[in-house]
């Protein structure tokens, strides 16, 4: 006898037909295929990058990643200036954005009244939605002149005895790129940090308050200490975004393939080099070298994002706080 499920609502009876095993299996297979398409796409992109970089891999080998030469005319290519510019600008951007993001997330989660919280969250989400090319235009016409005339001049005046702030002030520089990166990754770190703080059990806050802790002590002992791994994961996720940023960084970093001790000097990144030179590359070895830069960038970004998601997932899912 076929089973049926009956539900009564307002005096009427609704009979639900038994679930179909065939439909359930088809739905499971369909969703599995959709999920696998993402993995297949990543594999295809990585494989095409590897195919395109074969010529460079055969000619330069691992020397490509330890050489500073980038001369398309003579056919000599090395990735060190781009790797240096990518990691220095991204690390500085993360160094600037992380304290601001954590302070914002703590205020919105622990201190802000509801009438402030929701508008602030909306503004942060709006900042994340601004296209990078728009931020780049703002950066090159507004931010860079202001940084050159005021903060950079002050930094050189106060810390010019160190190699980090010596040399001429061009405006476009690694430090300018770090500032624009900080602006771009601030929303994502703030949003992830908020979710991490919301995942802290309410009982921990209540226990700290019952013991006579102040608001700062509750935040420091009950929230921040419990969220260390999640905060690190949010920072890694922001770093992954910073490593692959292209247009805004290209417009303010100066695009000079040199390694300089000064943060006020122009630099270059992996993504900027690909965006600037791919359309103008004529020789096969030049194109292959750019493909190899893309392969290196994909590998670094992929590993960074996987690590970030693993760390964030270990924190748990928020339940009650809003």
C-alpha atoms as a PDB file:
ATOM      1  CA  UNK A   1       0.000   0.000   0.000  1.00  0.00           C
ATOM      2  CA  UNK A   2       1.364   3.402  -0.943  1.00  0.00           C
ATOM      3  CA  UNK A   3       1.920   5.739   1.955  1.00  0.00           C
ATOM      4  CA  UNK A   4       0.688   9.305   1.974  1.00  0.00           C
ATOM      5  CA  UNK A   5       1.238  12.282   4.244  1.00  0.00           C
ATOM      6  CA  UNK A   6      -1.816  14.249   5.363  1.00  0.00           C
ATOM      7  CA  UNK A   7      -1.831  17.744   6.852  1.00  0.00           C
ATOM      8  CA  UNK A   8      -4.895  19.576   8.115  1.00  0.00           C
ATOM      9  CA  UNK A   9      -5.076  23.361   7.864  1.00  0.00           C
ATOM     10  CA  UNK A  10      -8.231  25.454   8.609  1.00  0.00           C
ATOM     11  CA  UNK A  11     -10.498  22.431   8.354  1.00  0.00           C
ATOM     12  CA  UNK A  12      -9.149  21.242   5.005  1.00  0.00           C
ATOM     13  CA  UNK A  13      -6.925  18.268   4.398  1.00  0.00           C
ATOM     14  CA  UNK A  14      -3.896  18.450   2.104  1.00  0.00           C
ATOM     15  CA  UNK A  15      -2.517  15.137   0.923  1.00  0.00           C
ATOM     16  CA  UNK A  16       1.159  15.098  -0.048  1.00  0.00           C
ATOM     17  CA  UNK A  17       2.344  12.415  -2.397  1.00  0.00           C
ATOM     18  CA  UNK A  18       5.255  10.245  -1.238  1.00  0.00           C
ATOM     19  CA  UNK A  19       8.727  11.444  -2.257  1.00  0.00           C
ATOM     20  CA  UNK A  20      10.174   9.942  -5.398  1.00  0.00           C
ATOM     21  CA  UNK A  21      13.551   8.238  -5.012  1.00  0.00           C
ATOM     22  CA  UNK A  22      14.314   8.802  -8.669  1.00  0.00           C
ATOM     23  CA  UNK A  23      13.697  12.559  -8.391  1.00  0.00           C
ATOM     24  CA  UNK A  24      15.767  12.747  -5.223  1.00  0.00           C
ATOM     25  CA  UNK A  25      18.655  10.937  -6.879  1.00  0.00           C
ATOM     26  CA  UNK A  26      18.447  13.103  -9.996  1.00  0.00           C
ATOM     27  CA  UNK A  27      18.488  16.273  -7.862  1.00  0.00           C
ATOM     28  CA  UNK A  28      21.530  15.041  -5.959  1.00  0.00           C
ATOM     29  CA  UNK A  29      23.403  14.214  -9.159  1.00  0.00           C
ATOM     30  CA  UNK A  30      22.505  17.576 -10.714  1.00  0.00           C
ATOM     31  CA  UNK A  31      23.734  19.567  -7.729  1.00  0.00           C
ATOM     32  CA  UNK A  32      26.911  17.457  -7.577  1.00  0.00           C
ATOM     33  CA  UNK A  33      27.603  18.211 -11.253  1.00  0.00           C
ATOM     34  CA  UNK A  34      27.096  21.941 -10.681  1.00  0.00           C
ATOM     35  CA  UNK A  35      29.504  21.864  -7.746  1.00  0.00           C
ATOM     36  CA  UNK A  36      32.092  19.930  -9.747  1.00  0.00           C
ATOM     37  CA  UNK A  37      31.909  22.497 -12.564  1.00  0.00           C
ATOM     38  CA  UNK A  38      33.596  25.014 -10.303  1.00  0.00           C
ATOM     39  CA  UNK A  39      36.481  22.636  -9.658  1.00  0.00           C
ATOM     40  CA  UNK A  40      36.687  21.772 -13.359  1.00  0.00           C
ATOM     41  CA  UNK A  41      36.835  25.472 -14.225  1.00  0.00           C
ATOM     42  CA  UNK A  42      39.743  26.039 -11.856  1.00  0.00           C
ATOM     43  CA  UNK A  43      41.576  23.024 -13.292  1.00  0.00           C
ATOM     44  CA  UNK A  44      41.011  24.254 -16.852  1.00  0.00           C
ATOM     45  CA  UNK A  45      42.308  27.731 -16.029  1.00  0.00           C
ATOM     46  CA  UNK A  46      45.391  26.283 -14.316  1.00  0.00           C
ATOM     47  CA  UNK A  47      46.031  23.891 -17.192  1.00  0.00           C
ATOM     48  CA  UNK A  48      45.780  26.636 -19.837  1.00  0.00           C
ATOM     49  CA  UNK A  49      48.163  28.809 -17.850  1.00  0.00           C
ATOM     50  CA  UNK A  50      50.579  25.901 -17.597  1.00  0.00           C
ATOM     51  CA  UNK A  51      50.285  25.231 -21.346  1.00  0.00           C
ATOM     52  CA  UNK A  52      50.949  28.881 -22.120  1.00  0.00           C
ATOM     53  CA  UNK A  53      53.987  29.049 -19.850  1.00  0.00           C
ATOM     54  CA  UNK A  54      55.717  25.902 -21.138  1.00  0.00           C
ATOM     55  CA  UNK A  55      58.173  27.823 -23.321  1.00  0.00           C
ATOM     56  CA  UNK A  56      59.219  30.036 -20.405  1.00  0.00           C
ATOM     57  CA  UNK A  57      59.469  27.047 -18.066  1.00  0.00           C
ATOM     58  CA  UNK A  58      61.716  25.205 -20.525  1.00  0.00           C
ATOM     59  CA  UNK A  59      63.999  28.171 -21.173  1.00  0.00           C
ATOM     60  CA  UNK A  60      64.337  29.681 -17.695  1.00  0.00           C
ATOM     61  CA  UNK A  61      63.272  26.920 -15.297  1.00  0.00           C
ATOM     62  CA  UNK A  62      63.373  27.918 -11.644  1.00  0.00           C
ATOM     63  CA  UNK A  63      65.777  30.726 -12.547  1.00  0.00           C
ATOM     64  CA  UNK A  64      62.672  32.665 -13.605  1.00  0.00           C
ATOM     65  CA  UNK A  65      61.668  33.037  -9.956  1.00  0.00           C
ATOM     66  CA  UNK A  66      65.077  34.209  -8.703  1.00  0.00           C
ATOM     67  CA  UNK A  67      66.038  36.595 -11.523  1.00  0.00           C
ATOM     68  CA  UNK A  68      65.419  40.350 -11.527  1.00  0.00           C
ATOM     69  CA  UNK A  69      65.869  40.874 -15.270  1.00  0.00           C
ATOM     70  CA  UNK A  70      62.801  41.868 -17.274  1.00  0.00           C
ATOM     71  CA  UNK A  71      63.943  42.865 -20.745  1.00  0.00           C
ATOM     72  CA  UNK A  72      61.518  41.994 -23.564  1.00  0.00           C
ATOM     73  CA  UNK A  73      63.992  43.283 -26.167  1.00  0.00           C
ATOM     74  CA  UNK A  74      66.737  40.821 -25.261  1.00  0.00           C
ATOM     75  CA  UNK A  75      64.310  38.088 -24.240  1.00  0.00           C
ATOM     76  CA  UNK A  76      65.440  37.893 -20.606  1.00  0.00           C
ATOM     77  CA  UNK A  77      62.695  37.581 -18.026  1.00  0.00           C
ATOM     78  CA  UNK A  78      62.645  37.258 -14.260  1.00  0.00           C
ATOM     79  CA  UNK A  79      59.726  37.492 -11.852  1.00  0.00           C
ATOM     80  CA  UNK A  80      61.457  38.769  -8.700  1.00  0.00           C
ATOM     81  CA  UNK A  81      60.465  42.470  -9.072  1.00  0.00           C
ATOM     82  CA  UNK A  82      56.828  41.515  -9.588  1.00  0.00           C
ATOM     83  CA  UNK A  83      56.787  39.012  -6.731  1.00  0.00           C
ATOM     84  CA  UNK A  84      58.430  41.604  -4.491  1.00  0.00           C
ATOM     85  CA  UNK A  85      55.958  44.335  -5.446  1.00  0.00           C
ATOM     86  CA  UNK A  86      52.982  42.003  -5.051  1.00  0.00           C
ATOM     87  CA  UNK A  87      53.865  40.746  -1.586  1.00  0.00           C
ATOM     88  CA  UNK A  88      55.133  44.068  -0.194  1.00  0.00           C
ATOM     89  CA  UNK A  89      52.122  46.092  -1.358  1.00  0.00           C
ATOM     90  CA  UNK A  90      49.681  43.378  -0.242  1.00  0.00           C
ATOM     91  CA  UNK A  91      51.324  42.944   3.160  1.00  0.00           C
ATOM     92  CA  UNK A  92      51.361  46.708   3.753  1.00  0.00           C
ATOM     93  CA  UNK A  93      47.742  46.977   2.658  1.00  0.00           C
ATOM     94  CA  UNK A  94      46.793  44.206   5.072  1.00  0.00           C
ATOM     95  CA  UNK A  95      48.816  45.897   7.837  1.00  0.00           C
ATOM     96  CA  UNK A  96      46.829  49.112   7.290  1.00  0.00           C
ATOM     97  CA  UNK A  97      43.406  47.518   6.815  1.00  0.00           C
ATOM     98  CA  UNK A  98      43.413  44.890   9.563  1.00  0.00           C
ATOM     99  CA  UNK A  99      43.295  47.204  12.633  1.00  0.00           C
ATOM    100  CA  UNK A 100      40.652  49.413  11.003  1.00  0.00           C
ATOM    101  CA  UNK A 101      38.581  46.391  10.004  1.00  0.00           C
ATOM    102  CA  UNK A 102      38.748  44.784  13.448  1.00  0.00           C
ATOM    103  CA  UNK A 103      37.870  48.022  15.219  1.00  0.00           C
ATOM    104  CA  UNK A 104      34.904  48.531  12.874  1.00  0.00           C
ATOM    105  CA  UNK A 105      33.729  44.936  13.301  1.00  0.00           C
ATOM    106  CA  UNK A 106      34.002  45.135  17.112  1.00  0.00           C
ATOM    107  CA  UNK A 107      32.009  48.362  17.226  1.00  0.00           C
ATOM    108  CA  UNK A 108      29.271  47.054  14.912  1.00  0.00           C
ATOM    109  CA  UNK A 109      29.000  43.734  16.753  1.00  0.00           C
ATOM    110  CA  UNK A 110      29.474  44.697  20.397  1.00  0.00           C
ATOM    111  CA  UNK A 111      28.824  48.409  20.857  1.00  0.00           C
ATOM    112  CA  UNK A 112      26.784  50.020  18.092  1.00  0.00           C
ATOM    113  CA  UNK A 113      23.052  50.634  18.645  1.00  0.00           C
ATOM    114  CA  UNK A 114      20.738  49.153  15.987  1.00  0.00           C
ATOM    115  CA  UNK A 115      20.020  52.534  14.374  1.00  0.00           C
ATOM    116  CA  UNK A 116      23.759  52.947  13.676  1.00  0.00           C
ATOM    117  CA  UNK A 117      24.574  49.313  12.909  1.00  0.00           C
ATOM    118  CA  UNK A 118      22.421  48.734   9.850  1.00  0.00           C
ATOM    119  CA  UNK A 119      23.312  51.963   7.970  1.00  0.00           C
ATOM    120  CA  UNK A 120      27.010  51.369   8.687  1.00  0.00           C
ATOM    121  CA  UNK A 121      26.827  47.805   7.391  1.00  0.00           C
ATOM    122  CA  UNK A 122      25.100  49.058   4.250  1.00  0.00           C
ATOM    123  CA  UNK A 123      27.828  51.635   3.662  1.00  0.00           C
ATOM    124  CA  UNK A 124      30.533  48.996   4.093  1.00  0.00           C
ATOM    125  CA  UNK A 125      28.789  46.753   1.579  1.00  0.00           C
ATOM    126  CA  UNK A 126      28.518  49.712  -0.791  1.00  0.00           C
ATOM    127  CA  UNK A 127      32.262  50.292  -0.517  1.00  0.00           C
ATOM    128  CA  UNK A 128      32.853  46.664  -1.473  1.00  0.00           C
ATOM    129  CA  UNK A 129      30.646  47.114  -4.543  1.00  0.00           C
ATOM    130  CA  UNK A 130      32.633  50.039  -6.002  1.00  0.00           C
ATOM    131  CA  UNK A 131      34.498  48.862  -9.146  1.00  0.00           C
ATOM    132  CA  UNK A 132      38.261  48.815  -8.757  1.00  0.00           C
ATOM    133  CA  UNK A 133      38.770  51.045 -11.807  1.00  0.00           C
ATOM    134  CA  UNK A 134      36.685  53.755 -10.116  1.00  0.00           C
ATOM    135  CA  UNK A 135      38.820  53.510  -6.995  1.00  0.00           C
ATOM    136  CA  UNK A 136      41.880  53.655  -9.235  1.00  0.00           C
ATOM    137  CA  UNK A 137      40.698  56.881 -10.876  1.00  0.00           C
ATOM    138  CA  UNK A 138      39.970  58.380  -7.478  1.00  0.00           C
ATOM    139  CA  UNK A 139      43.342  57.190  -6.282  1.00  0.00           C
ATOM    140  CA  UNK A 140      45.386  58.690  -9.097  1.00  0.00           C
ATOM    141  CA  UNK A 141      43.596  62.057  -9.184  1.00  0.00           C
ATOM    142  CA  UNK A 142      42.750  62.609  -5.509  1.00  0.00           C
ATOM    143  CA  UNK A 143      44.581  60.211  -3.202  1.00  0.00           C
ATOM    144  CA  UNK A 144      48.043  60.203  -4.793  1.00  0.00           C
ATOM    145  CA  UNK A 145      48.454  64.037  -4.933  1.00  0.00           C
ATOM    146  CA  UNK A 146      47.306  64.324  -1.319  1.00  0.00           C
ATOM    147  CA  UNK A 147      49.608  61.536  -0.138  1.00  0.00           C
ATOM    148  CA  UNK A 148      52.533  63.055  -2.030  1.00  0.00           C
ATOM    149  CA  UNK A 149      52.092  66.543  -0.607  1.00  0.00           C
ATOM    150  CA  UNK A 150      51.273  65.714   3.006  1.00  0.00           C
ATOM    151  CA  UNK A 151      51.667  62.199   4.508  1.00  0.00           C
ATOM    152  CA  UNK A 152      54.626  61.139   2.334  1.00  0.00           C
ATOM    153  CA  UNK A 153      56.437  64.429   2.930  1.00  0.00           C
ATOM    154  CA  UNK A 154      55.846  64.094   6.664  1.00  0.00           C
ATOM    155  CA  UNK A 155      57.023  60.484   6.697  1.00  0.00           C
ATOM    156  CA  UNK A 156      60.212  61.422   4.880  1.00  0.00           C
ATOM    157  CA  UNK A 157      60.800  64.352   7.216  1.00  0.00           C
ATOM    158  CA  UNK A 158      60.338  62.222  10.349  1.00  0.00           C
ATOM    159  CA  UNK A 159      61.764  58.884   9.178  1.00  0.00           C
ATOM    160  CA  UNK A 160      63.973  59.872   6.258  1.00  0.00           C
ATOM    161  CA  UNK A 161      66.994  58.449   8.063  1.00  0.00           C
ATOM    162  CA  UNK A 162      65.663  54.949   7.316  1.00  0.00           C
ATOM    163  CA  UNK A 163      65.900  53.412   3.829  1.00  0.00           C
ATOM    164  CA  UNK A 164      62.126  52.893   3.790  1.00  0.00           C
ATOM    165  CA  UNK A 165      61.368  56.582   3.243  1.00  0.00           C
ATOM    166  CA  UNK A 166      64.345  57.861   1.277  1.00  0.00           C
ATOM    167  CA  UNK A 167      64.526  59.050  -2.316  1.00  0.00           C
ATOM    168  CA  UNK A 168      62.333  61.327  -4.421  1.00  0.00           C
ATOM    169  CA  UNK A 169      58.602  61.420  -3.758  1.00  0.00           C
ATOM    170  CA  UNK A 170      56.750  60.622  -6.981  1.00  0.00           C
ATOM    171  CA  UNK A 171      53.345  60.000  -5.450  1.00  0.00           C
ATOM    172  CA  UNK A 172      52.781  56.789  -7.385  1.00  0.00           C
ATOM    173  CA  UNK A 173      54.562  54.195  -5.292  1.00  0.00           C
ATOM    174  CA  UNK A 174      54.325  50.912  -3.454  1.00  0.00           C
ATOM    175  CA  UNK A 175      52.948  52.715  -0.400  1.00  0.00           C
ATOM    176  CA  UNK A 176      50.219  54.353  -2.508  1.00  0.00           C
ATOM    177  CA  UNK A 177      49.287  50.915  -3.831  1.00  0.00           C
ATOM    178  CA  UNK A 178      49.173  49.620  -0.252  1.00  0.00           C
ATOM    179  CA  UNK A 179      46.732  52.372   0.743  1.00  0.00           C
ATOM    180  CA  UNK A 180      44.390  51.650  -2.170  1.00  0.00           C
ATOM    181  CA  UNK A 181      44.591  47.916  -1.408  1.00  0.00           C
ATOM    182  CA  UNK A 182      43.714  48.611   2.225  1.00  0.00           C
ATOM    183  CA  UNK A 183      40.611  50.502   1.124  1.00  0.00           C
ATOM    184  CA  UNK A 184      39.576  47.627  -1.147  1.00  0.00           C
ATOM    185  CA  UNK A 185      40.046  44.799   1.346  1.00  0.00           C
ATOM    186  CA  UNK A 186      38.640  46.641   4.372  1.00  0.00           C
ATOM    187  CA  UNK A 187      34.998  45.660   3.617  1.00  0.00           C
ATOM    188  CA  UNK A 188      35.704  41.949   3.222  1.00  0.00           C
ATOM    189  CA  UNK A 189      37.797  41.713   6.401  1.00  0.00           C
ATOM    190  CA  UNK A 190      35.183  43.695   8.312  1.00  0.00           C
ATOM    191  CA  UNK A 191      32.313  41.494   7.103  1.00  0.00           C
ATOM    192  CA  UNK A 192      34.114  38.232   7.862  1.00  0.00           C
ATOM    193  CA  UNK A 193      35.245  39.501  11.261  1.00  0.00           C
ATOM    194  CA  UNK A 194      31.668  40.437  12.135  1.00  0.00           C
ATOM    195  CA  UNK A 195      30.516  36.920  11.365  1.00  0.00           C
ATOM    196  CA  UNK A 196      33.361  35.502  13.431  1.00  0.00           C
ATOM    197  CA  UNK A 197      32.466  37.703  16.415  1.00  0.00           C
ATOM    198  CA  UNK A 198      28.796  36.764  16.078  1.00  0.00           C
ATOM    199  CA  UNK A 199      29.818  33.106  16.270  1.00  0.00           C
ATOM    200  CA  UNK A 200      31.093  33.585  19.830  1.00  0.00           C
ATOM    201  CA  UNK A 201      28.554  32.013  22.219  1.00  0.00           C
ATOM    202  CA  UNK A 202      26.495  34.576  24.104  1.00  0.00           C
ATOM    203  CA  UNK A 203      27.136  32.638  27.308  1.00  0.00           C
ATOM    204  CA  UNK A 204      30.797  33.656  27.213  1.00  0.00           C
ATOM    205  CA  UNK A 205      29.887  37.347  27.197  1.00  0.00           C
ATOM    206  CA  UNK A 206      27.348  36.867  29.971  1.00  0.00           C
ATOM    207  CA  UNK A 207      29.834  34.923  32.088  1.00  0.00           C
ATOM    208  CA  UNK A 208      32.451  37.657  31.754  1.00  0.00           C
ATOM    209  CA  UNK A 209      29.923  40.356  32.651  1.00  0.00           C
ATOM    210  CA  UNK A 210      28.763  38.320  35.665  1.00  0.00           C
ATOM    211  CA  UNK A 211      32.349  38.226  36.931  1.00  0.00           C
ATOM    212  CA  UNK A 212      32.484  42.027  36.836  1.00  0.00           C
ATOM    213  CA  UNK A 213      34.388  42.503  33.572  1.00  0.00           C
ATOM    214  CA  UNK A 214      34.185  45.813  31.773  1.00  0.00           C
ATOM    215  CA  UNK A 215      33.034  46.073  28.160  1.00  0.00           C
ATOM    216  CA  UNK A 216      36.638  46.177  26.961  1.00  0.00           C
ATOM    217  CA  UNK A 217      37.536  43.142  29.077  1.00  0.00           C
ATOM    218  CA  UNK A 218      34.545  41.232  27.704  1.00  0.00           C
ATOM    219  CA  UNK A 219      35.643  42.049  24.156  1.00  0.00           C
ATOM    220  CA  UNK A 220      39.271  41.202  24.812  1.00  0.00           C
ATOM    221  CA  UNK A 221      38.810  38.028  26.855  1.00  0.00           C
ATOM    222  CA  UNK A 222      35.526  36.557  25.673  1.00  0.00           C
ATOM    223  CA  UNK A 223      35.363  37.700  22.041  1.00  0.00           C
ATOM    224  CA  UNK A 224      38.826  38.352  20.643  1.00  0.00           C
ATOM    225  CA  UNK A 225      40.517  35.417  22.364  1.00  0.00           C
ATOM    226  CA  UNK A 226      37.825  33.042  21.119  1.00  0.00           C
ATOM    227  CA  UNK A 227      38.023  34.480  17.584  1.00  0.00           C
ATOM    228  CA  UNK A 228      41.781  34.369  16.979  1.00  0.00           C
ATOM    229  CA  UNK A 229      41.650  31.685  14.300  1.00  0.00           C
ATOM    230  CA  UNK A 230      38.702  33.303  12.560  1.00  0.00           C
ATOM    231  CA  UNK A 231      40.398  36.710  12.547  1.00  0.00           C
ATOM    232  CA  UNK A 232      43.466  35.132  10.997  1.00  0.00           C
ATOM    233  CA  UNK A 233      41.253  33.503   8.390  1.00  0.00           C
ATOM    234  CA  UNK A 234      39.596  36.849   7.583  1.00  0.00           C
ATOM    235  CA  UNK A 235      43.019  38.435   7.209  1.00  0.00           C
ATOM    236  CA  UNK A 236      44.121  35.640   4.872  1.00  0.00           C
ATOM    237  CA  UNK A 237      40.975  36.079   2.801  1.00  0.00           C
ATOM    238  CA  UNK A 238      41.699  39.794   2.529  1.00  0.00           C
ATOM    239  CA  UNK A 239      45.285  39.002   1.585  1.00  0.00           C
ATOM    240  CA  UNK A 240      44.038  36.715  -1.173  1.00  0.00           C
ATOM    241  CA  UNK A 241      41.964  39.572  -2.569  1.00  0.00           C
ATOM    242  CA  UNK A 242      44.916  41.944  -2.283  1.00  0.00           C
ATOM    243  CA  UNK A 243      47.314  39.633  -4.117  1.00  0.00           C
ATOM    244  CA  UNK A 244      45.110  39.508  -7.202  1.00  0.00           C
ATOM    245  CA  UNK A 245      44.026  43.144  -7.339  1.00  0.00           C
ATOM    246  CA  UNK A 246      44.816  44.631 -10.748  1.00  0.00           C
ATOM    247  CA  UNK A 247      43.321  47.854 -12.068  1.00  0.00           C
ATOM    248  CA  UNK A 248      43.393  50.103  -9.005  1.00  0.00           C
ATOM    249  CA  UNK A 249      46.925  48.999  -8.124  1.00  0.00           C
ATOM    250  CA  UNK A 250      48.122  49.389 -11.716  1.00  0.00           C
ATOM    251  CA  UNK A 251      46.982  53.007 -11.723  1.00  0.00           C
ATOM    252  CA  UNK A 252      48.810  54.083  -8.552  1.00  0.00           C
ATOM    253  CA  UNK A 253      51.886  51.850  -8.133  1.00  0.00           C
ATOM    254  CA  UNK A 254      54.048  53.377 -10.881  1.00  0.00           C
ATOM    255  CA  UNK A 255      54.683  50.153 -12.871  1.00  0.00           C
ATOM    256  CA  UNK A 256      58.472  50.100 -12.690  1.00  0.00           C
ATOM    257  CA  UNK A 257      60.032  46.572 -12.580  1.00  0.00           C
ATOM    258  CA  UNK A 258      62.661  47.417  -9.986  1.00  0.00           C
ATOM    259  CA  UNK A 259      63.317  46.401  -6.398  1.00  0.00           C
ATOM    260  CA  UNK A 260      63.761  49.385  -4.117  1.00  0.00           C
ATOM    261  CA  UNK A 261      64.194  49.628  -0.374  1.00  0.00           C
ATOM    262  CA  UNK A 262      62.079  52.770  -0.309  1.00  0.00           C
ATOM    263  CA  UNK A 263      58.315  52.445  -0.019  1.00  0.00           C
ATOM    264  CA  UNK A 264      58.022  55.803  -1.780  1.00  0.00           C
ATOM    265  CA  UNK A 265      59.516  54.397  -4.987  1.00  0.00           C
ATOM    266  CA  UNK A 266      57.392  53.002  -7.838  1.00  0.00           C
ATOM    267  CA  UNK A 267      56.952  49.246  -8.088  1.00  0.00           C
ATOM    268  CA  UNK A 268      55.195  46.537 -10.083  1.00  0.00           C
ATOM    269  CA  UNK A 269      52.964  43.569  -9.277  1.00  0.00           C
ATOM    270  CA  UNK A 270      52.232  40.271 -10.962  1.00  0.00           C
ATOM    271  CA  UNK A 271      48.700  41.269 -11.915  1.00  0.00           C
ATOM    272  CA  UNK A 272      49.772  44.714 -13.128  1.00  0.00           C
ATOM    273  CA  UNK A 273      52.473  43.277 -15.358  1.00  0.00           C
ATOM    274  CA  UNK A 274      50.004  40.909 -17.017  1.00  0.00           C
ATOM    275  CA  UNK A 275      47.423  43.667 -17.529  1.00  0.00           C
ATOM    276  CA  UNK A 276      49.939  46.167 -18.903  1.00  0.00           C
ATOM    277  CA  UNK A 277      52.085  44.008 -21.166  1.00  0.00           C
ATOM    278  CA  UNK A 278      49.945  41.170 -22.486  1.00  0.00           C
ATOM    279  CA  UNK A 279      48.355  43.232 -25.270  1.00  0.00           C
ATOM    280  CA  UNK A 280      51.769  44.591 -26.345  1.00  0.00           C
ATOM    281  CA  UNK A 281      53.750  41.338 -26.139  1.00  0.00           C
ATOM    282  CA  UNK A 282      54.938  40.242 -29.589  1.00  0.00           C
ATOM    283  CA  UNK A 283      57.492  37.485 -29.023  1.00  0.00           C
ATOM    284  CA  UNK A 284      56.477  33.997 -27.978  1.00  0.00           C
ATOM    285  CA  UNK A 285      58.838  33.983 -25.015  1.00  0.00           C
ATOM    286  CA  UNK A 286      57.403  37.274 -23.728  1.00  0.00           C
ATOM    287  CA  UNK A 287      53.844  35.918 -23.881  1.00  0.00           C
ATOM    288  CA  UNK A 288      54.961  32.689 -22.222  1.00  0.00           C
ATOM    289  CA  UNK A 289      56.670  34.617 -19.418  1.00  0.00           C
ATOM    290  CA  UNK A 290      53.429  36.516 -18.766  1.00  0.00           C
ATOM    291  CA  UNK A 291      51.553  33.208 -18.662  1.00  0.00           C
ATOM    292  CA  UNK A 292      54.032  31.985 -16.080  1.00  0.00           C
ATOM    293  CA  UNK A 293      53.411  35.100 -13.987  1.00  0.00           C
ATOM    294  CA  UNK A 294      49.700  34.292 -14.155  1.00  0.00           C
ATOM    295  CA  UNK A 295      50.348  30.696 -13.127  1.00  0.00           C
ATOM    296  CA  UNK A 296      52.347  31.837 -10.105  1.00  0.00           C
ATOM    297  CA  UNK A 297      49.645  34.336  -9.128  1.00  0.00           C
ATOM    298  CA  UNK A 298      46.913  31.701  -9.458  1.00  0.00           C
ATOM    299  CA  UNK A 299      48.831  29.261  -7.263  1.00  0.00           C
ATOM    300  CA  UNK A 300      49.504  31.823  -4.532  1.00  0.00           C
ATOM    301  CA  UNK A 301      45.917  33.145  -4.520  1.00  0.00           C
ATOM    302  CA  UNK A 302      44.429  29.647  -4.565  1.00  0.00           C
ATOM    303  CA  UNK A 303      46.475  28.461  -1.589  1.00  0.00           C
ATOM    304  CA  UNK A 304      45.792  31.666   0.348  1.00  0.00           C
ATOM    305  CA  UNK A 305      42.021  31.467  -0.125  1.00  0.00           C
ATOM    306  CA  UNK A 306      41.849  27.746   0.713  1.00  0.00           C
ATOM    307  CA  UNK A 307      43.726  28.364   3.963  1.00  0.00           C
ATOM    308  CA  UNK A 308      41.433  31.286   4.798  1.00  0.00           C
ATOM    309  CA  UNK A 309      38.252  29.271   4.272  1.00  0.00           C
ATOM    310  CA  UNK A 310      39.581  26.395   6.354  1.00  0.00           C
ATOM    311  CA  UNK A 311      40.386  28.701   9.259  1.00  0.00           C
ATOM    312  CA  UNK A 312      37.061  30.546   9.070  1.00  0.00           C
ATOM    313  CA  UNK A 313      35.130  27.288   8.839  1.00  0.00           C
ATOM    314  CA  UNK A 314      36.780  26.059  12.015  1.00  0.00           C
ATOM    315  CA  UNK A 315      35.135  28.877  14.006  1.00  0.00           C
ATOM    316  CA  UNK A 316      31.521  27.835  13.475  1.00  0.00           C
ATOM    317  CA  UNK A 317      28.301  29.425  12.272  1.00  0.00           C
ATOM    318  CA  UNK A 318      26.712  32.365  14.107  1.00  0.00           C
ATOM    319  CA  UNK A 319      23.308  31.579  15.590  1.00  0.00           C
ATOM    320  CA  UNK A 320      21.676  34.244  17.712  1.00  0.00           C
ATOM    321  CA  UNK A 321      23.360  37.660  17.505  1.00  0.00           C
ATOM    322  CA  UNK A 322      22.360  40.095  14.757  1.00  0.00           C
END
